[in-house]
Protein backbone atom coordinates (compact mmCIF):
# COMPACT_ATOMS: atom_id res chain seq x y z
CA MET A 1 -66.74 17.95 -4.53
CA LEU A 2 -66.68 13.88 -5.16
CA GLU A 3 -63.48 12.56 -5.55
CA ARG A 4 -62.66 10.97 -9.23
CA THR A 5 -60.32 8.04 -10.16
CA ALA A 6 -57.21 8.83 -11.78
CA ASN A 7 -58.54 6.63 -14.87
CA CYS A 8 -61.86 9.03 -14.83
CA LEU A 9 -59.62 12.22 -15.09
CA ALA A 10 -57.67 10.67 -17.90
CA LYS A 11 -61.01 10.01 -19.85
CA LEU A 12 -62.09 13.74 -19.05
CA ASP A 13 -58.93 15.03 -20.36
CA ARG A 14 -59.30 13.00 -23.50
CA ILE A 15 -62.83 14.33 -24.23
CA ASN A 16 -62.10 17.73 -23.45
CA LYS A 17 -58.70 17.66 -25.82
CA THR A 18 -60.93 16.08 -28.31
CA LEU A 19 -63.43 18.78 -28.35
CA HIS A 20 -60.88 21.47 -28.24
CA HIS A 21 -59.56 19.93 -31.56
CA GLN A 22 -56.19 18.72 -29.92
CA GLU A 23 -54.78 15.03 -30.09
CA ALA A 24 -55.22 13.25 -26.85
CA ASP A 25 -53.61 9.71 -26.35
CA ARG A 26 -56.44 8.17 -28.47
CA VAL A 27 -59.96 8.65 -29.75
CA PRO A 28 -62.59 8.64 -27.21
CA ILE A 29 -65.32 5.85 -27.79
CA SER A 30 -68.63 5.49 -26.09
CA ASP A 31 -72.39 5.10 -27.34
CA PHE A 32 -76.17 4.98 -26.43
CA PHE A 33 -77.35 1.48 -26.37
CA TRP A 34 -80.83 -0.05 -26.89
CA GLY A 35 -82.09 -2.02 -23.98
CA SER A 36 -82.74 -5.09 -26.31
CA PHE A 37 -79.16 -4.75 -27.65
CA LEU A 38 -77.78 -5.00 -23.89
CA GLU A 39 -79.68 -8.07 -23.17
CA ARG A 40 -78.24 -9.73 -26.66
CA TRP A 41 -74.94 -8.61 -25.83
CA ARG A 42 -74.99 -10.09 -22.48
CA LEU A 43 -76.31 -13.28 -23.93
CA ASP A 44 -73.77 -13.31 -26.90
CA LEU A 45 -70.91 -12.75 -24.44
CA GLY A 46 -72.16 -14.92 -21.56
CA LEU A 47 -71.97 -12.14 -19.21
CA PRO A 48 -74.02 -11.50 -16.11
CA ALA A 49 -77.14 -9.82 -16.18
CA ASP A 50 -76.19 -6.62 -14.21
CA CYS A 51 -72.94 -6.26 -16.61
CA ASP A 52 -73.11 -2.96 -18.72
CA PRO A 53 -70.89 -2.09 -21.53
CA TYR A 54 -69.71 1.20 -20.13
CA ARG A 55 -67.92 -0.39 -17.14
CA HIS A 56 -67.04 -3.53 -19.02
CA TYR A 57 -65.31 -1.70 -21.71
CA ASP A 58 -64.48 1.52 -19.55
CA LEU A 59 -66.10 3.60 -22.21
CA ASP A 60 -65.32 7.27 -22.27
CA TRP A 61 -68.49 9.17 -21.09
CA GLN A 62 -71.82 9.00 -20.20
CA VAL A 63 -75.01 11.16 -20.79
CA THR A 64 -77.86 11.43 -18.04
CA THR A 65 -81.55 12.88 -18.36
CA PRO A 66 -83.30 14.40 -15.32
CA ASN A 67 -87.00 14.65 -15.46
CA MET A 68 -88.08 17.35 -18.41
CA ASP A 69 -91.50 16.29 -18.88
CA PRO A 70 -93.71 19.45 -19.04
CA HIS A 71 -95.61 17.69 -15.74
CA VAL A 72 -94.18 15.95 -13.05
CA LYS A 73 -96.53 13.14 -12.32
CA GLN A 74 -96.71 9.40 -12.23
CA PHE A 75 -97.87 7.39 -14.97
CA GLU A 76 -101.39 6.86 -15.12
CA VAL A 77 -101.73 3.08 -16.17
CA LEU A 78 -104.80 2.73 -18.49
CA LYS A 79 -103.92 -1.00 -19.59
CA GLU A 80 -101.20 -3.50 -18.54
CA ASN A 81 -100.66 -7.31 -19.24
CA GLU A 82 -97.83 -9.55 -20.11
CA GLU A 83 -97.75 -8.12 -23.79
CA GLU A 84 -98.18 -4.43 -23.36
CA VAL A 85 -98.63 -1.49 -20.98
CA VAL A 86 -100.80 1.87 -21.92
CA VAL A 87 -100.16 4.83 -19.89
CA ARG A 88 -100.65 8.45 -19.77
CA THR A 89 -97.55 10.62 -19.21
CA GLY A 90 -96.38 14.04 -17.93
CA PHE A 91 -96.72 15.08 -21.60
CA GLU A 92 -100.55 14.55 -21.56
CA ALA A 93 -99.88 11.73 -24.21
CA ILE A 94 -101.27 8.45 -24.02
CA ILE A 95 -98.47 5.86 -25.09
CA ARG A 96 -98.78 2.04 -25.97
CA LYS A 97 -95.61 0.10 -25.34
CA LYS A 98 -95.68 -3.47 -26.72
CA PHE A 99 -92.96 -5.10 -25.08
CA ALA A 100 -91.77 -7.49 -28.23
CA ASP A 101 -91.50 -4.19 -30.42
CA PRO A 102 -88.49 -1.77 -30.30
CA MET A 103 -90.32 1.57 -29.95
CA PRO A 104 -93.63 2.94 -28.26
CA GLU A 105 -96.67 3.90 -30.02
CA TRP A 106 -98.36 7.19 -29.57
CA LEU A 107 -102.06 6.58 -29.28
CA SER A 108 -103.45 10.21 -28.80
CA PHE A 109 -102.62 13.66 -27.41
CA ASP A 110 -104.42 15.82 -24.97
CA THR A 111 -103.31 18.73 -27.20
CA ASP A 112 -105.11 17.77 -30.21
CA ARG A 113 -106.45 20.91 -31.65
CA ILE A 114 -104.50 24.24 -32.15
CA GLU A 115 -106.79 26.02 -29.80
CA LYS A 116 -105.30 24.00 -27.01
CA VAL A 117 -101.43 25.05 -27.96
CA ALA A 118 -102.07 28.43 -26.12
CA ALA A 119 -103.33 26.94 -23.19
CA PHE A 120 -100.74 24.32 -22.62
CA GLN A 121 -98.65 25.04 -19.45
CA PHE A 122 -95.18 23.76 -18.65
CA GLU A 123 -95.14 23.36 -14.78
CA ASP A 124 -92.25 24.70 -12.70
CA PRO A 125 -88.81 23.67 -14.31
CA TRP A 126 -87.20 24.32 -10.89
CA ASN A 127 -89.61 21.89 -9.03
CA PRO A 128 -86.75 19.98 -7.05
CA ALA A 129 -88.62 16.71 -7.65
CA ARG A 130 -86.94 16.87 -11.52
CA TYR A 131 -83.49 16.43 -9.90
CA PHE A 132 -83.94 15.16 -6.32
CA SER A 133 -86.68 12.80 -6.39
CA ALA A 134 -87.41 9.18 -7.82
CA GLY A 135 -90.56 9.10 -10.28
CA ASP A 136 -91.87 8.25 -13.49
CA ASN A 137 -90.93 10.55 -16.65
CA GLN A 138 -91.59 9.89 -20.32
CA ILE A 139 -88.01 10.55 -21.62
CA ALA A 140 -86.24 8.33 -19.38
CA GLY A 141 -88.93 5.76 -18.90
CA VAL A 142 -90.69 5.00 -22.47
CA GLY A 143 -88.51 3.98 -25.36
CA ASP A 144 -87.38 0.71 -26.65
CA GLY A 145 -87.59 -0.45 -23.26
CA PHE A 146 -90.37 0.55 -20.53
CA ALA A 147 -89.38 1.75 -16.81
CA ARG A 148 -91.28 3.03 -13.75
CA ASN A 149 -89.80 5.03 -11.09
CA SER A 150 -86.46 6.32 -12.26
CA PRO A 151 -83.97 6.87 -9.74
CA PRO A 152 -83.07 10.54 -8.54
CA TRP A 153 -81.39 12.36 -11.33
CA VAL A 154 -78.63 13.63 -8.89
CA ASP A 155 -78.05 10.10 -7.43
CA THR A 156 -77.40 9.14 -10.94
CA VAL A 157 -74.59 11.77 -11.44
CA LYS A 158 -73.02 11.16 -7.89
CA THR A 159 -72.74 7.45 -8.89
CA LEU A 160 -71.33 7.96 -12.27
CA HIS A 161 -69.16 10.89 -11.35
CA ARG A 162 -66.49 8.93 -10.01
CA ASP A 163 -65.58 6.74 -12.98
CA PHE A 164 -66.84 8.58 -15.93
CA PRO A 165 -67.34 12.06 -17.56
CA VAL A 166 -70.95 12.78 -17.05
CA TYR A 167 -72.89 15.10 -19.21
CA GLY A 168 -76.32 16.40 -18.27
CA SER A 169 -78.89 16.90 -20.96
CA VAL A 170 -81.81 19.14 -22.17
CA CYS A 171 -84.59 18.73 -24.73
CA GLU A 172 -85.11 21.87 -27.12
CA ALA A 173 -88.56 22.65 -28.42
CA ASN A 174 -88.67 20.01 -31.28
CA GLU A 175 -88.72 17.41 -29.14
CA TYR A 176 -91.55 18.90 -26.94
CA MET A 177 -93.55 19.46 -30.13
CA GLN A 178 -93.31 15.78 -31.32
CA ARG A 179 -94.25 14.43 -27.66
CA ILE A 180 -97.11 17.21 -26.65
CA ILE A 181 -99.07 17.34 -29.95
CA GLY A 182 -97.68 14.31 -32.25
CA PRO A 183 -95.37 14.29 -35.55
CA GLU A 184 -98.56 14.36 -37.49
CA ASN A 185 -99.98 17.56 -36.08
CA PHE A 186 -97.06 19.04 -35.69
CA LEU A 187 -96.28 19.19 -39.21
CA LEU A 188 -99.64 20.16 -40.24
CA TRP A 189 -100.05 22.89 -37.86
CA ILE A 190 -96.47 24.31 -38.68
CA GLY A 191 -97.63 24.63 -42.37
CA LEU A 192 -101.34 26.03 -41.39
CA TYR A 193 -100.70 27.86 -38.13
CA PRO A 194 -96.87 29.13 -38.64
CA GLU A 195 -97.07 31.84 -36.11
CA GLU A 196 -99.04 30.07 -33.53
CA MET A 197 -96.79 27.25 -33.69
CA GLY A 198 -93.67 29.59 -33.55
CA ARG A 199 -94.74 30.75 -30.27
CA PHE A 200 -95.39 27.62 -28.71
CA ILE A 201 -91.81 26.70 -29.96
CA VAL A 202 -90.61 29.93 -28.33
CA ARG A 203 -92.46 28.81 -24.95
CA ALA A 204 -90.61 25.23 -24.75
CA ASN A 205 -87.46 26.84 -25.57
CA GLU A 206 -87.79 29.23 -22.82
CA PHE A 207 -88.99 26.22 -20.42
CA ALA A 208 -85.94 24.08 -21.62
CA LEU A 209 -83.38 26.99 -20.84
CA GLU A 210 -84.90 26.90 -17.16
CA VAL A 211 -84.56 23.35 -16.96
CA LEU A 212 -80.80 23.48 -17.92
CA LYS A 213 -80.27 26.30 -15.58
CA ALA A 214 -82.03 24.44 -12.84
CA GLN A 215 -80.01 21.07 -13.45
CA ILE A 216 -76.81 22.57 -13.58
CA LYS A 217 -77.45 24.13 -10.13
CA ALA A 218 -78.71 20.74 -8.68
CA ALA A 219 -75.48 19.02 -9.96
CA ASP A 220 -73.50 21.56 -8.12
CA GLY A 221 -70.27 21.13 -10.29
CA LEU A 222 -70.44 17.52 -10.93
CA LEU A 223 -71.45 18.05 -14.67
CA ASP A 224 -68.79 17.89 -17.26
CA GLY A 225 -70.95 18.81 -20.39
CA ILE A 226 -74.60 19.02 -21.60
CA VAL A 227 -76.17 17.10 -24.43
CA ILE A 228 -78.94 18.99 -26.14
CA TRP A 229 -81.55 16.46 -27.54
CA GLY A 230 -83.46 18.29 -30.66
CA ASP A 231 -84.37 16.02 -33.73
CA ILE A 232 -85.25 18.23 -36.57
CA ALA A 233 -84.79 16.25 -39.59
CA TYR A 234 -85.48 13.12 -41.20
CA LYS A 235 -83.64 10.90 -43.69
CA LYS A 236 -83.78 13.40 -46.46
CA ASP A 237 -84.02 16.66 -45.07
CA LEU A 238 -85.50 18.78 -42.41
CA PHE A 239 -89.08 18.67 -40.93
CA PHE A 240 -89.56 22.34 -42.19
CA SER A 241 -87.99 24.95 -44.10
CA PRO A 242 -84.32 26.35 -42.94
CA ARG A 243 -86.04 29.95 -42.74
CA TYR A 244 -88.67 28.89 -40.31
CA TRP A 245 -86.06 27.04 -38.28
CA ARG A 246 -83.85 29.95 -38.39
CA LYS A 247 -86.85 32.57 -37.11
CA TRP A 248 -88.41 30.03 -34.42
CA TYR A 249 -85.97 27.55 -33.09
CA LYS A 250 -82.56 28.87 -33.57
CA PRO A 251 -82.69 31.86 -30.89
CA GLY A 252 -83.83 29.30 -28.19
CA LEU A 253 -81.33 26.87 -28.99
CA GLN A 254 -78.79 29.66 -29.07
CA ALA A 255 -79.77 30.66 -25.44
CA LEU A 256 -79.12 26.93 -24.37
CA VAL A 257 -75.65 26.71 -25.86
CA ASP A 258 -74.72 29.83 -24.29
CA GLU A 259 -76.14 29.12 -20.98
CA ALA A 260 -74.00 25.96 -21.02
CA HIS A 261 -71.06 27.74 -22.30
CA SER A 262 -71.18 30.03 -19.29
CA HIS A 263 -70.55 27.44 -17.14
CA ASN A 264 -67.85 26.13 -19.14
CA LEU A 265 -69.36 22.91 -20.22
CA PRO A 266 -69.22 22.12 -23.58
CA VAL A 267 -71.96 20.99 -25.57
CA ILE A 268 -72.95 18.16 -27.80
CA TYR A 269 -76.08 18.45 -30.20
CA HIS A 270 -78.13 15.26 -30.94
CA GLY A 271 -80.19 15.69 -34.22
CA CYS A 272 -81.22 12.84 -36.25
CA GLY A 273 -81.59 13.03 -40.04
CA ASN A 274 -79.90 14.92 -42.68
CA VAL A 275 -79.28 18.49 -41.59
CA LYS A 276 -77.07 19.57 -44.35
CA ARG A 277 -78.97 22.60 -45.09
CA VAL A 278 -78.44 23.95 -41.63
CA PHE A 279 -75.10 22.60 -40.59
CA GLU A 280 -73.13 25.81 -40.97
CA ASP A 281 -75.97 27.45 -38.73
CA PHE A 282 -74.81 24.81 -35.95
CA ILE A 283 -71.16 25.74 -36.47
CA GLY A 284 -72.11 29.46 -35.69
CA LEU A 285 -74.16 28.38 -32.45
CA GLY A 286 -70.98 27.39 -31.09
CA ILE A 287 -71.93 23.73 -30.97
CA ASP A 288 -68.94 21.85 -29.76
CA ALA A 289 -69.94 18.57 -31.44
CA TYR A 290 -72.58 17.22 -33.47
CA ASN A 291 -74.43 13.82 -32.83
CA PRO A 292 -75.13 11.46 -34.30
CA LEU A 293 -74.46 12.14 -38.09
CA GLU A 294 -76.63 9.22 -39.32
CA SER A 295 -75.00 7.31 -42.21
CA LYS A 296 -78.25 6.06 -43.36
CA ALA A 297 -79.20 9.71 -43.92
CA GLY A 298 -76.30 10.66 -46.30
CA LEU A 299 -74.20 12.06 -43.59
CA ASP A 300 -70.34 11.32 -43.98
CA VAL A 301 -68.20 12.32 -41.10
CA VAL A 302 -64.89 12.19 -43.43
CA GLU A 303 -66.80 14.53 -46.08
CA LEU A 304 -67.82 16.84 -43.35
CA ARG A 305 -64.28 17.15 -42.02
CA ARG A 306 -63.20 17.92 -45.56
CA GLN A 307 -65.79 20.65 -45.88
CA TYR A 308 -65.71 22.24 -42.45
CA GLY A 309 -62.29 21.33 -41.23
CA HIS A 310 -61.93 22.04 -37.45
CA GLN A 311 -64.85 24.32 -37.06
CA ILE A 312 -66.84 21.66 -35.35
CA GLY A 313 -66.47 18.38 -33.64
CA PHE A 314 -68.20 15.16 -34.38
CA CYS A 315 -69.64 12.40 -32.37
CA GLY A 316 -70.94 9.58 -34.31
CA ASN A 317 -71.34 8.16 -37.91
CA MET A 318 -70.45 4.53 -37.46
CA SER A 319 -72.96 2.86 -39.63
CA VAL A 320 -75.42 0.45 -37.33
CA ILE A 321 -76.31 -1.39 -40.76
CA THR A 322 -72.46 -2.29 -41.41
CA TRP A 323 -72.18 -2.87 -37.63
CA ALA A 324 -75.04 -5.59 -37.81
CA GLN A 325 -74.41 -7.11 -41.44
CA GLY A 326 -71.10 -6.49 -42.48
CA THR A 327 -68.22 -9.07 -42.55
CA GLN A 328 -65.21 -8.19 -40.36
CA ASP A 329 -63.42 -6.87 -43.27
CA GLU A 330 -66.17 -4.27 -44.02
CA ILE A 331 -66.71 -3.44 -40.43
CA ARG A 332 -62.89 -2.84 -40.46
CA ALA A 333 -63.03 -0.70 -43.30
CA GLU A 334 -65.78 1.40 -42.11
CA VAL A 335 -64.00 1.89 -38.71
CA LEU A 336 -60.63 2.93 -40.27
CA THR A 337 -61.96 5.15 -42.95
CA LYS A 338 -64.26 6.91 -40.13
CA LEU A 339 -61.10 7.52 -37.81
CA ASN A 340 -59.73 9.85 -40.50
CA ALA A 341 -62.06 12.48 -39.23
CA ALA A 342 -60.19 12.15 -35.90
CA LYS A 343 -56.86 13.76 -37.19
CA GLY A 344 -56.20 16.65 -35.22
CA GLY A 345 -58.82 15.79 -32.42
CA GLY A 346 -62.59 16.49 -32.90
CA MET A 347 -64.00 13.04 -33.22
CA ILE A 348 -65.81 11.07 -30.25
CA PHE A 349 -66.22 7.43 -32.09
CA GLN A 350 -69.95 6.20 -31.68
CA SER A 351 -72.74 5.00 -33.83
CA ASP A 352 -74.72 6.75 -36.37
CA HIS A 353 -77.61 6.97 -33.69
CA SER A 354 -77.62 4.14 -31.00
CA VAL A 355 -76.68 0.52 -30.85
CA PRO A 356 -79.64 -1.71 -31.82
CA SER A 357 -80.08 -5.18 -31.05
CA ASN A 358 -79.16 -6.48 -34.58
CA VAL A 359 -75.68 -5.84 -33.56
CA THR A 360 -74.09 -8.88 -32.01
CA GLY A 361 -72.05 -8.77 -28.77
CA GLN A 362 -69.40 -9.76 -30.84
CA ASN A 363 -69.52 -7.50 -33.33
CA TYR A 364 -69.74 -4.83 -31.08
CA GLU A 365 -66.84 -5.77 -28.92
CA TYR A 366 -64.82 -6.31 -32.39
CA VAL A 367 -65.50 -2.43 -33.40
CA VAL A 368 -64.57 -1.22 -29.69
CA ASN A 369 -61.04 -3.04 -30.11
CA LEU A 370 -60.57 -1.74 -33.48
CA VAL A 371 -60.93 1.91 -32.24
CA ARG A 372 -58.92 1.12 -29.25
CA GLN A 373 -56.01 -0.48 -31.54
CA TYR A 374 -56.13 1.96 -34.37
CA GLY A 375 -57.41 5.17 -32.65
CA ARG A 376 -53.98 5.79 -31.02
CA TYR A 377 -52.25 8.90 -31.85
CA PRO A 378 -50.67 9.47 -34.12
CA LEU A 379 -52.91 7.64 -36.19
CA GLN A 380 -51.75 4.71 -38.29
CA LEU A 381 -54.62 3.46 -40.24
CA ALA A 382 -53.04 1.28 -42.74
CA GLU A 383 -54.42 1.34 -46.27
CA TYR A 384 -57.60 3.56 -45.11
CA ASP A 385 -55.38 6.30 -44.39
CA LEU A 386 -56.94 9.35 -46.52
CA PRO A 387 -53.74 12.03 -46.83
CA ASP A 388 -56.39 14.86 -47.95
CA VAL A 389 -58.31 14.59 -44.43
CA LYS A 390 -56.43 16.71 -41.71
């Protein structure tokens, strides 16, 4: 086992106590960052080009992503110039990444007819290249940025392990549906061909379960938890009915949670959008904390704590709109109000999705300092203390 610093062990104790709904020394804080934010942050604060916020602010945890693409393959570059790149990925999808735009554009999908769904094959989830070799992969390489030849996942885990609690991660079925067939066909086909799509969802979750088992084995004791990526909702509601989700998605998700817990690894579930109609299901699944709790989708961590008490932990809910556009007084009010949900433990402070480039470096730093100042236990939240939240 690689040796860890005393500071890392203190952070791990802080995270684990928080997820067990105990008050640690203070509320843990970390986040996910857009590459464009990192560029702005360094520029705004005059920091070196290789500076990263995790080490600069000594944040409390990091998440890593092995190669979870259905097919392990190098990107096929179809077009590339100074403005954009077009590639075919291991999802057998063609993606255009315009470097000036925040997110990529899906152009086409090989699995473009329902008849192709049954024929789609997931390659070996135990392939050592997913964990021990450098290479291209869509989830790690094509987002708000564009990167080729991601380093071996296990090397990344080892690099971080000394200084940070390190979580592995796995995609559950909905992340695969969106990337293999595209959001339009995905929504249409669930309505037209619910059974066929249901069987595809089951196969995707079976693949995900094996990816989870394989990465836990590959990490050989170096992981401290698991993030499950599984966006199932948009701003107003779920993409599909709760009944459909419970029939086809929920059993596979339960298997992922149970597998992680069998290795004493806590689970943070990342699901964007408004999931109020199935939030109690996530509690029943044994999810340790829900992320990101999008404020812009109508979720409020304080109200959720009032409603559900300490049945589940929370990770997120700091409005990035306030973070980007608010005055310092408005930002302070947002931070201190949301910290009420950390009473008794059970809350990791993060954004309500990830930190975008319209957040200034100064505003980001202001929030970190507020959480460090007011997030010490016992919490003293001044005029923003809510006595009915416990």
